[in-house]
Amino acid sequence: MLKTKHPKLKIKKTHPCVSKEKSFRASSGEEVFDLLDLIKAIENMSENDFRIHVNPKKNEIKDWIRDSFGDRILARAIRWTTTRETTLKKIREYMSQNYL
C-alpha cells in the first residue's frame, strides 16, 4: 500500500471581535473592536493621528493587537512598521491568509 502525503490544511477562522472594555480608541475618537474596524480607522485617520499611535518610540496598534485582541503573530508582523501603508498591507495580508 502506498502512502501519500497530504499537505497540512490551514483552517481559516471566523473574524473575532473584542468587547467594549478591550476596544482600541483611536485619537480621532473612533472605537475599534476588530481588524476590519482597525483598517477603516487607520485609513480614515490623518498622518498626525497615525503618528500619535505609531512612531519610533511606540506602536500602540501592535500593543492592542497583541494584548487586547490576543493575536501575537499579527503583532509580530507589524511591530517594526512605521508607515500607515505598510501597517495596512500587513494587516490585510494576514487577514486574507487567516480569516474567512
PDB file of N, CA and C in Angstrom:
ATOM      1  N   MET A   1       0.840  -1.171   0.000  1.00  0.00           N
ATOM      2  CA  MET A   1       0.000   0.000   0.000  1.00  0.00           C
ATOM      3  C   MET A   1       0.889   1.240   0.000  1.00  0.00           C
ATOM      4  N   LEU A   2       0.603   2.146  -0.910  1.00  0.00           N
ATOM      5  CA  LEU A   2       1.352   3.392  -0.994  1.00  0.00           C
ATOM      6  C   LEU A   2       0.767   4.425  -0.054  1.00  0.00           C
ATOM      7  N   LYS A   3       1.650   5.090   0.625  1.00  0.00           N
ATOM      8  CA  LYS A   3       1.206   6.183   1.481  1.00  0.00           C
ATOM      9  C   LYS A   3       1.398   7.485   0.721  1.00  0.00           C
ATOM     10  N   THR A   4       0.392   8.285   0.744  1.00  0.00           N
ATOM     11  CA  THR A   4       0.507   9.591   0.099  1.00  0.00           C
ATOM     12  C   THR A   4       0.564  10.669   1.155  1.00  0.00           C
ATOM     13  N   LYS A   5       1.375  11.631   0.876  1.00  0.00           N
ATOM     14  CA  LYS A   5       1.480  12.754   1.810  1.00  0.00           C
ATOM     15  C   LYS A   5       0.462  13.812   1.426  1.00  0.00           C
ATOM     16  N   HIS A   6      -0.229  14.284   2.405  1.00  0.00           N
ATOM     17  CA  HIS A   6      -1.200  15.352   2.188  1.00  0.00           C
ATOM     18  C   HIS A   6      -0.663  16.610   2.859  1.00  0.00           C
ATOM     19  N   PRO A   7      -0.672  17.693   2.146  1.00  0.00           N
ATOM     20  CA  PRO A   7      -0.223  18.925   2.798  1.00  0.00           C
ATOM     21  C   PRO A   7      -1.181  19.276   3.930  1.00  0.00           C
ATOM     22  N   LYS A   8      -0.617  19.856   4.956  1.00  0.00           N
ATOM     23  CA  LYS A   8      -1.468  20.267   6.078  1.00  0.00           C
ATOM     24  C   LYS A   8      -2.424  21.349   5.605  1.00  0.00           C
ATOM     25  N   LEU A   9      -3.666  21.135   5.900  1.00  0.00           N
ATOM     26  CA  LEU A   9      -4.672  22.121   5.543  1.00  0.00           C
ATOM     27  C   LEU A   9      -4.707  23.199   6.608  1.00  0.00           C
ATOM     28  N   LYS A  10      -4.751  24.410   6.176  1.00  0.00           N
ATOM     29  CA  LYS A  10      -4.851  25.515   7.108  1.00  0.00           C
ATOM     30  C   LYS A  10      -6.318  25.907   7.220  1.00  0.00           C
ATOM     31  N   ILE A  11      -6.855  25.765   8.386  1.00  0.00           N
ATOM     32  CA  ILE A  11      -8.255  26.089   8.626  1.00  0.00           C
ATOM     33  C   ILE A  11      -8.370  27.592   8.877  1.00  0.00           C
ATOM     34  N   LYS A  12      -9.219  28.250   8.118  1.00  0.00           N
ATOM     35  CA  LYS A  12      -9.442  29.671   8.332  1.00  0.00           C
ATOM     36  C   LYS A  12     -10.492  29.857   9.412  1.00  0.00           C
ATOM     37  N   LYS A  13     -10.261  30.839  10.261  1.00  0.00           N
ATOM     38  CA  LYS A  13     -11.154  31.124  11.371  1.00  0.00           C
ATOM     39  C   LYS A  13     -12.118  32.239  10.999  1.00  0.00           C
ATOM     40  N   THR A  14     -13.200  32.295  11.743  1.00  0.00           N
ATOM     41  CA  THR A  14     -14.087  33.438  11.564  1.00  0.00           C
ATOM     42  C   THR A  14     -13.428  34.651  12.217  1.00  0.00           C
ATOM     43  N   HIS A  15     -13.821  35.784  11.807  1.00  0.00           N
ATOM     44  CA  HIS A  15     -13.200  37.022  12.240  1.00  0.00           C
ATOM     45  C   HIS A  15     -13.608  37.367  13.668  1.00  0.00           C
ATOM     46  N   PRO A  16     -12.660  37.403  14.620  1.00  0.00           N
ATOM     47  CA  PRO A  16     -13.005  37.690  16.020  1.00  0.00           C
ATOM     48  C   PRO A  16     -13.242  39.180  16.290  1.00  0.00           C
ATOM     49  N   CYS A  17     -13.888  39.429  17.408  1.00  0.00           N
ATOM     50  CA  CYS A  17     -14.230  40.781  17.826  1.00  0.00           C
ATOM     51  C   CYS A  17     -13.997  40.880  19.337  1.00  0.00           C
ATOM     52  N   VAL A  18     -13.538  42.035  19.821  1.00  0.00           N
ATOM     53  CA  VAL A  18     -13.298  42.201  21.252  1.00  0.00           C
ATOM     54  C   VAL A  18     -14.451  42.958  21.911  1.00  0.00           C
ATOM     55  N   SER A  19     -14.495  42.887  23.223  1.00  0.00           N
ATOM     56  CA  SER A  19     -15.532  43.594  23.983  1.00  0.00           C
ATOM     57  C   SER A  19     -15.219  45.088  24.058  1.00  0.00           C
ATOM     58  N   LYS A  20     -16.186  45.846  24.507  1.00  0.00           N
ATOM     59  CA  LYS A  20     -16.018  47.293  24.641  1.00  0.00           C
ATOM     60  C   LYS A  20     -14.841  47.637  25.561  1.00  0.00           C
ATOM     61  N   GLU A  21     -14.646  46.851  26.600  1.00  0.00           N
ATOM     62  CA  GLU A  21     -13.559  47.102  27.551  1.00  0.00           C
ATOM     63  C   GLU A  21     -12.187  46.935  26.907  1.00  0.00           C
ATOM     64  N   LYS A  22     -12.094  46.102  25.889  1.00  0.00           N
ATOM     65  CA  LYS A  22     -10.809  45.836  25.241  1.00  0.00           C
ATOM     66  C   LYS A  22     -10.651  46.566  23.917  1.00  0.00           C
ATOM     67  N   SER A  23     -11.599  47.409  23.569  1.00  0.00           N
ATOM     68  CA  SER A  23     -11.552  48.098  22.280  1.00  0.00           C
ATOM     69  C   SER A  23     -10.377  49.079  22.239  1.00  0.00           C
ATOM     70  N   PHE A  24      -9.961  49.395  21.032  1.00  0.00           N
ATOM     71  CA  PHE A  24      -8.893  50.375  20.799  1.00  0.00           C
ATOM     72  C   PHE A  24      -9.554  51.697  20.498  1.00  0.00           C
ATOM     73  N   ARG A  25      -9.146  52.726  21.193  1.00  0.00           N
ATOM     74  CA  ARG A  25      -9.715  54.055  20.965  1.00  0.00           C
ATOM     75  C   ARG A  25      -8.693  54.868  20.178  1.00  0.00           C
ATOM     76  N   ALA A  26      -9.036  55.161  18.930  1.00  0.00           N
ATOM     77  CA  ALA A  26      -8.161  55.967  18.079  1.00  0.00           C
ATOM     78  C   ALA A  26      -8.183  57.413  18.571  1.00  0.00           C
ATOM     79  N   SER A  27      -7.134  58.145  18.269  1.00  0.00           N
ATOM     80  CA  SER A  27      -7.055  59.541  18.720  1.00  0.00           C
ATOM     81  C   SER A  27      -8.184  60.385  18.147  1.00  0.00           C
ATOM     82  N   SER A  28      -8.764  59.931  17.043  1.00  0.00           N
ATOM     83  CA  SER A  28      -9.898  60.640  16.439  1.00  0.00           C
ATOM     84  C   SER A  28     -11.199  60.380  17.192  1.00  0.00           C
ATOM     85  N   GLY A  29     -11.167  59.432  18.141  1.00  0.00           N
ATOM     86  CA  GLY A  29     -12.357  59.087  18.909  1.00  0.00           C
ATOM     87  C   GLY A  29     -13.033  57.820  18.431  1.00  0.00           C
ATOM     88  N   GLU A  30     -12.611  57.306  17.284  1.00  0.00           N
ATOM     89  CA  GLU A  30     -13.180  56.067  16.747  1.00  0.00           C
ATOM     90  C   GLU A  30     -12.861  54.904  17.670  1.00  0.00           C
ATOM     91  N   GLU A  31     -13.836  54.034  17.868  1.00  0.00           N
ATOM     92  CA  GLU A  31     -13.634  52.857  18.704  1.00  0.00           C
ATOM     93  C   GLU A  31     -13.510  51.632  17.801  1.00  0.00           C
ATOM     94  N   VAL A  32     -12.474  50.828  18.053  1.00  0.00           N
ATOM     95  CA  VAL A  32     -12.142  49.690  17.201  1.00  0.00           C
ATOM     96  C   VAL A  32     -12.378  48.398  17.975  1.00  0.00           C
ATOM     97  N   PHE A  33     -13.160  47.482  17.364  1.00  0.00           N
ATOM     98  CA  PHE A  33     -13.482  46.212  18.008  1.00  0.00           C
ATOM     99  C   PHE A  33     -12.887  45.007  17.287  1.00  0.00           C
ATOM    100  N   ASP A  34     -12.523  45.179  16.018  1.00  0.00           N
ATOM    101  CA  ASP A  34     -11.959  44.054  15.261  1.00  0.00           C
ATOM    102  C   ASP A  34     -11.008  44.589  14.191  1.00  0.00           C
ATOM    103  N   LEU A  35     -10.422  43.684  13.420  1.00  0.00           N
ATOM    104  CA  LEU A  35      -9.432  44.096  12.431  1.00  0.00           C
ATOM    105  C   LEU A  35     -10.040  44.899  11.283  1.00  0.00           C
ATOM    106  N   LEU A  36     -11.283  44.622  10.926  1.00  0.00           N
ATOM    107  CA  LEU A  36     -11.934  45.429   9.881  1.00  0.00           C
ATOM    108  C   LEU A  36     -12.122  46.869  10.357  1.00  0.00           C
ATOM    109  N   ASP A  37     -12.560  47.019  11.605  1.00  0.00           N
ATOM    110  CA  ASP A  37     -12.678  48.363  12.191  1.00  0.00           C
ATOM    111  C   ASP A  37     -11.313  49.050  12.217  1.00  0.00           C
ATOM    112  N   LEU A  38     -10.271  48.282  12.545  1.00  0.00           N
ATOM    113  CA  LEU A  38      -8.927  48.840  12.631  1.00  0.00           C
ATOM    114  C   LEU A  38      -8.458  49.354  11.272  1.00  0.00           C
ATOM    115  N   ILE A  39      -8.697  48.583  10.231  1.00  0.00           N
ATOM    116  CA  ILE A  39      -8.317  49.020   8.887  1.00  0.00           C
ATOM    117  C   ILE A  39      -9.027  50.321   8.531  1.00  0.00           C
ATOM    118  N   LYS A  40     -10.324  50.385   8.794  1.00  0.00           N
ATOM    119  CA  LYS A  40     -11.093  51.604   8.489  1.00  0.00           C
ATOM    120  C   LYS A  40     -10.561  52.795   9.283  1.00  0.00           C
ATOM    121  N   ALA A  41     -10.263  52.561  10.562  1.00  0.00           N
ATOM    122  CA  ALA A  41      -9.764  53.645  11.415  1.00  0.00           C
ATOM    123  C   ALA A  41      -8.414  54.156  10.913  1.00  0.00           C
ATOM    124  N   ILE A  42      -7.523  53.252  10.539  1.00  0.00           N
ATOM    125  CA  ILE A  42      -6.204  53.659  10.042  1.00  0.00           C
ATOM    126  C   ILE A  42      -6.347  54.409   8.725  1.00  0.00           C
ATOM    127  N   GLU A  43      -7.227  53.931   7.847  1.00  0.00           N
ATOM    128  CA  GLU A  43      -7.449  54.603   6.563  1.00  0.00           C
ATOM    129  C   GLU A  43      -7.993  56.017   6.755  1.00  0.00           C
ATOM    130  N   ASN A  44      -8.844  56.197   7.755  1.00  0.00           N
ATOM    131  CA  ASN A  44      -9.515  57.473   7.961  1.00  0.00           C
ATOM    132  C   ASN A  44      -8.724  58.469   8.808  1.00  0.00           C
ATOM    133  N   MET A  45      -7.730  58.014   9.550  1.00  0.00           N
ATOM    134  CA  MET A  45      -7.013  58.943  10.420  1.00  0.00           C
ATOM    135  C   MET A  45      -5.985  59.745   9.634  1.00  0.00           C
ATOM    136  N   SER A  46      -5.740  60.938  10.106  1.00  0.00           N
ATOM    137  CA  SER A  46      -4.733  61.789   9.475  1.00  0.00           C
ATOM    138  C   SER A  46      -3.351  61.206   9.760  1.00  0.00           C
ATOM    139  N   GLU A  47      -2.366  61.687   9.037  1.00  0.00           N
ATOM    140  CA  GLU A  47      -0.990  61.229   9.257  1.00  0.00           C
ATOM    141  C   GLU A  47      -0.546  61.585  10.677  1.00  0.00           C
ATOM    142  N   ASN A  48      -0.936  62.761  11.161  1.00  0.00           N
ATOM    143  CA  ASN A  48      -0.586  63.155  12.533  1.00  0.00           C
ATOM    144  C   ASN A  48      -1.218  62.224  13.556  1.00  0.00           C
ATOM    145  N   ASP A  49      -2.476  61.843  13.334  1.00  0.00           N
ATOM    146  CA  ASP A  49      -3.140  60.904  14.242  1.00  0.00           C
ATOM    147  C   ASP A  49      -2.453  59.539  14.213  1.00  0.00           C
ATOM    148  N   PHE A  50      -2.066  59.100  13.017  1.00  0.00           N
ATOM    149  CA  PHE A  50      -1.365  57.817  12.914  1.00  0.00           C
ATOM    150  C   PHE A  50      -0.055  57.884  13.706  1.00  0.00           C
ATOM    151  N   ARG A  51       0.663  58.989  13.595  1.00  0.00           N
ATOM    152  CA  ARG A  51       1.938  59.166  14.311  1.00  0.00           C
ATOM    153  C   ARG A  51       1.754  59.196  15.832  1.00  0.00           C
ATOM    154  N   ILE A  52       0.585  59.584  16.292  1.00  0.00           N
ATOM    155  CA  ILE A  52       0.320  59.539  17.736  1.00  0.00           C
ATOM    156  C   ILE A  52       0.365  58.086  18.217  1.00  0.00           C
ATOM    157  N   HIS A  53      -0.143  57.183  17.394  1.00  0.00           N
ATOM    158  CA  HIS A  53      -0.212  55.762  17.757  1.00  0.00           C
ATOM    159  C   HIS A  53       1.024  54.969  17.360  1.00  0.00           C
ATOM    160  N   VAL A  54       1.639  55.333  16.244  1.00  0.00           N
ATOM    161  CA  VAL A  54       2.799  54.591  15.733  1.00  0.00           C
ATOM    162  C   VAL A  54       3.918  55.573  15.430  1.00  0.00           C
ATOM    163  N   ASN A  55       5.024  55.411  16.143  1.00  0.00           N
ATOM    164  CA  ASN A  55       6.200  56.242  15.922  1.00  0.00           C
ATOM    165  C   ASN A  55       7.429  55.454  16.377  1.00  0.00           C
ATOM    166  N   PRO A  56       8.626  56.004  16.250  1.00  0.00           N
ATOM    167  CA  PRO A  56       9.820  55.227  16.634  1.00  0.00           C
ATOM    168  C   PRO A  56       9.858  54.776  18.100  1.00  0.00           C
ATOM    169  N   LYS A  57       9.112  55.435  18.968  1.00  0.00           N
ATOM    170  CA  LYS A  57       9.125  55.076  20.393  1.00  0.00           C
ATOM    171  C   LYS A  57       8.043  54.082  20.796  1.00  0.00           C
ATOM    172  N   LYS A  58       6.961  54.010  20.020  1.00  0.00           N
ATOM    173  CA  LYS A  58       5.864  53.120  20.408  1.00  0.00           C
ATOM    174  C   LYS A  58       5.058  52.692  19.196  1.00  0.00           C
ATOM    175  N   ASN A  59       4.329  51.597  19.386  1.00  0.00           N
ATOM    176  CA  ASN A  59       3.392  51.126  18.356  1.00  0.00           C
ATOM    177  C   ASN A  59       2.154  50.635  19.107  1.00  0.00           C
ATOM    178  N   GLU A  60       1.228  51.550  19.365  1.00  0.00           N
ATOM    179  CA  GLU A  60       0.024  51.215  20.123  1.00  0.00           C
ATOM    180  C   GLU A  60      -0.884  50.242  19.377  1.00  0.00           C
ATOM    181  N   ILE A  61      -0.837  50.262  18.061  1.00  0.00           N
ATOM    182  CA  ILE A  61      -1.649  49.333  17.273  1.00  0.00           C
ATOM    183  C   ILE A  61      -1.150  47.917  17.501  1.00  0.00           C
ATOM    184  N   LYS A  62       0.171  47.729  17.451  1.00  0.00           N
ATOM    185  CA  LYS A  62       0.765  46.418  17.732  1.00  0.00           C
ATOM    186  C   LYS A  62       0.414  45.974  19.152  1.00  0.00           C
ATOM    187  N   ASP A  63       0.522  46.887  20.109  1.00  0.00           N
ATOM    188  CA  ASP A  63       0.222  46.552  21.508  1.00  0.00           C
ATOM    189  C   ASP A  63      -1.231  46.102  21.666  1.00  0.00           C
ATOM    190  N   TRP A  64      -2.164  46.813  21.014  1.00  0.00           N
ATOM    191  CA  TRP A  64      -3.582  46.431  21.109  1.00  0.00           C
ATOM    192  C   TRP A  64      -3.816  45.061  20.479  1.00  0.00           C
ATOM    193  N   ILE A  65      -3.239  44.840  19.301  1.00  0.00           N
ATOM    194  CA  ILE A  65      -3.415  43.551  18.628  1.00  0.00           C
ATOM    195  C   ILE A  65      -2.887  42.416  19.504  1.00  0.00           C
ATOM    196  N   ARG A  66      -1.767  42.628  20.146  1.00  0.00           N
ATOM    197  CA  ARG A  66      -1.169  41.595  20.997  1.00  0.00           C
ATOM    198  C   ARG A  66      -1.929  41.439  22.317  1.00  0.00           C
ATOM    199  N   ASP A  67      -2.156  42.523  23.019  1.00  0.00           N
ATOM    200  CA  ASP A  67      -2.673  42.451  24.386  1.00  0.00           C
ATOM    201  C   ASP A  67      -4.190  42.322  24.479  1.00  0.00           C
ATOM    202  N   SER A  68      -4.934  43.083  23.712  1.00  0.00           N
ATOM    203  CA  SER A  68      -6.395  43.056  23.817  1.00  0.00           C
ATOM    204  C   SER A  68      -7.033  42.138  22.792  1.00  0.00           C
ATOM    205  N   PHE A  69      -6.513  42.183  21.571  1.00  0.00           N
ATOM    206  CA  PHE A  69      -7.067  41.345  20.509  1.00  0.00           C
ATOM    207  C   PHE A  69      -6.536  39.919  20.623  1.00  0.00           C
ATOM    208  N   GLY A  70      -5.363  39.761  21.237  1.00  0.00           N
ATOM    209  CA  GLY A  70      -4.817  38.430  21.519  1.00  0.00           C
ATOM    210  C   GLY A  70      -4.161  37.735  20.344  1.00  0.00           C
ATOM    211  N   ASP A  71      -3.640  38.497  19.387  1.00  0.00           N
ATOM    212  CA  ASP A  71      -3.017  37.879  18.213  1.00  0.00           C
ATOM    213  C   ASP A  71      -1.534  38.237  18.161  1.00  0.00           C
ATOM    214  N   ARG A  72      -0.723  37.373  18.726  1.00  0.00           N
ATOM    215  CA  ARG A  72       0.721  37.628  18.794  1.00  0.00           C
ATOM    216  C   ARG A  72       1.403  37.539  17.433  1.00  0.00           C
ATOM    217  N   ILE A  73       0.893  36.713  16.549  1.00  0.00           N
ATOM    218  CA  ILE A  73       1.512  36.555  15.228  1.00  0.00           C
ATOM    219  C   ILE A  73       1.378  37.843  14.418  1.00  0.00           C
ATOM    220  N   LEU A  74       0.182  38.390  14.362  1.00  0.00           N
ATOM    221  CA  LEU A  74      -0.015  39.648  13.644  1.00  0.00           C
ATOM    222  C   LEU A  74       0.757  40.777  14.325  1.00  0.00           C
ATOM    223  N   ALA A  75       0.765  40.791  15.646  1.00  0.00           N
ATOM    224  CA  ALA A  75       1.505  41.827  16.371  1.00  0.00           C
ATOM    225  C   ALA A  75       2.987  41.794  15.996  1.00  0.00           C
ATOM    226  N   ARG A  76       3.558  40.591  15.912  1.00  0.00           N
ATOM    227  CA  ARG A  76       4.962  40.478  15.495  1.00  0.00           C
ATOM    228  C   ARG A  76       5.159  40.961  14.063  1.00  0.00           C
ATOM    229  N   ALA A  77       4.182  40.709  13.209  1.00  0.00           N
ATOM    230  CA  ALA A  77       4.302  41.101  11.806  1.00  0.00           C
ATOM    231  C   ALA A  77       4.334  42.615  11.625  1.00  0.00           C
ATOM    232  N   ILE A  78       3.670  43.345  12.507  1.00  0.00           N
ATOM    233  CA  ILE A  78       3.633  44.805  12.343  1.00  0.00           C
ATOM    234  C   ILE A  78       4.477  45.556  13.365  1.00  0.00           C
ATOM    235  N   ARG A  79       5.213  44.862  14.205  1.00  0.00           N
ATOM    236  CA  ARG A  79       5.914  45.550  15.293  1.00  0.00           C
ATOM    237  C   ARG A  79       6.917  46.589  14.820  1.00  0.00           C
ATOM    238  N   TRP A  80       7.531  46.396  13.662  1.00  0.00           N
ATOM    239  CA  TRP A  80       8.531  47.356  13.182  1.00  0.00           C
ATOM    240  C   TRP A  80       7.994  48.268  12.079  1.00  0.00           C
ATOM    241  N   THR A  81       6.725  48.161  11.747  1.00  0.00           N
ATOM    242  CA  THR A  81       6.186  49.034  10.714  1.00  0.00           C
ATOM    243  C   THR A  81       6.093  50.460  11.244  1.00  0.00           C
ATOM    244  N   THR A  82       6.382  51.403  10.384  1.00  0.00           N
ATOM    245  CA  THR A  82       6.330  52.803  10.807  1.00  0.00           C
ATOM    246  C   THR A  82       5.459  53.651   9.892  1.00  0.00           C
ATOM    247  N   THR A  83       4.956  53.054   8.816  1.00  0.00           N
ATOM    248  CA  THR A  83       4.089  53.824   7.920  1.00  0.00           C
ATOM    249  C   THR A  83       2.689  53.228   7.909  1.00  0.00           C
ATOM    250  N   ARG A  84       1.745  54.067   7.616  1.00  0.00           N
ATOM    251  CA  ARG A  84       0.354  53.638   7.528  1.00  0.00           C
ATOM    252  C   ARG A  84       0.186  52.589   6.426  1.00  0.00           C
ATOM    253  N   GLU A  85       0.827  52.814   5.275  1.00  0.00           N
ATOM    254  CA  GLU A  85       0.691  51.909   4.137  1.00  0.00           C
ATOM    255  C   GLU A  85       1.197  50.507   4.467  1.00  0.00           C
ATOM    256  N   THR A  86       2.364  50.430   5.093  1.00  0.00           N
ATOM    257  CA  THR A  86       2.930  49.125   5.446  1.00  0.00           C
ATOM    258  C   THR A  86       2.082  48.431   6.501  1.00  0.00           C
ATOM    259  N   THR A  87       1.611  49.174   7.469  1.00  0.00           N
ATOM    260  CA  THR A  87       0.756  48.604   8.516  1.00  0.00           C
ATOM    261  C   THR A  87      -0.515  48.029   7.905  1.00  0.00           C
ATOM    262  N   LEU A  88      -1.164  48.797   7.048  1.00  0.00           N
ATOM    263  CA  LEU A  88      -2.389  48.322   6.396  1.00  0.00           C
ATOM    264  C   LEU A  88      -2.118  47.100   5.527  1.00  0.00           C
ATOM    265  N   LYS A  89      -1.037  47.119   4.781  1.00  0.00           N
ATOM    266  CA  LYS A  89      -0.688  45.994   3.908  1.00  0.00           C
ATOM    267  C   LYS A  89      -0.508  44.710   4.716  1.00  0.00           C
ATOM    268  N   LYS A  90       0.218  44.799   5.824  1.00  0.00           N
ATOM    269  CA  LYS A  90       0.473  43.605   6.649  1.00  0.00           C
ATOM    270  C   LYS A  90      -0.814  43.087   7.295  1.00  0.00           C
ATOM    271  N   ILE A  91      -1.674  43.981   7.753  1.00  0.00           N
ATOM    272  CA  ILE A  91      -2.937  43.549   8.366  1.00  0.00           C
ATOM    273  C   ILE A  91      -3.823  42.883   7.318  1.00  0.00           C
ATOM    274  N   ARG A  92      -3.922  43.492   6.145  1.00  0.00           N
ATOM    275  CA  ARG A  92      -4.749  42.908   5.068  1.00  0.00           C
ATOM    276  C   ARG A  92      -4.223  41.543   4.631  1.00  0.00           C
ATOM    277  N   GLU A  93      -2.911  41.415   4.463  1.00  0.00           N
ATOM    278  CA  GLU A  93      -2.319  40.127   4.080  1.00  0.00           C
ATOM    279  C   GLU A  93      -2.621  39.061   5.127  1.00  0.00           C
ATOM    280  N   TYR A  94      -2.459  39.425   6.375  1.00  0.00           N
ATOM    281  CA  TYR A  94      -2.722  38.487   7.469  1.00  0.00           C
ATOM    282  C   TYR A  94      -4.170  38.055   7.474  1.00  0.00           C
ATOM    283  N   MET A  95      -5.071  39.003   7.291  1.00  0.00           N
ATOM    284  CA  MET A  95      -6.500  38.667   7.284  1.00  0.00           C
ATOM    285  C   MET A  95      -6.842  37.745   6.129  1.00  0.00           C
ATOM    286  N   SER A  96      -6.303  38.011   4.948  1.00  0.00           N
ATOM    287  CA  SER A  96      -6.635  37.173   3.802  1.00  0.00           C
ATOM    288  C   SER A  96      -6.110  35.755   3.959  1.00  0.00           C
ATOM    289  N   GLN A  97      -5.046  35.581   4.701  1.00  0.00           N
ATOM    290  CA  GLN A  97      -4.474  34.258   4.913  1.00  0.00           C
ATOM    291  C   GLN A  97      -5.136  33.486   6.059  1.00  0.00           C
ATOM    292  N   ASN A  98      -5.716  34.198   7.007  1.00  0.00           N
ATOM    293  CA  ASN A  98      -6.164  33.547   8.242  1.00  0.00           C
ATOM    294  C   ASN A  98      -7.661  33.580   8.533  1.00  0.00           C
ATOM    295  N   TYR A  99      -8.378  34.493   7.908  1.00  0.00           N
ATOM    296  CA  TYR A  99      -9.796  34.631   8.233  1.00  0.00           C
ATOM    297  C   TYR A  99     -10.665  34.446   6.991  1.00  0.00           C
ATOM    298  N   LEU A 100     -11.897  34.016   7.229  1.00  0.00           N
ATOM    299  CA  LEU A 100     -12.858  33.814   6.144  1.00  0.00           C
ATOM    300  C   LEU A 100     -13.261  35.117   5.511  1.00  0.00           C
TER     301      LEU A 100
END
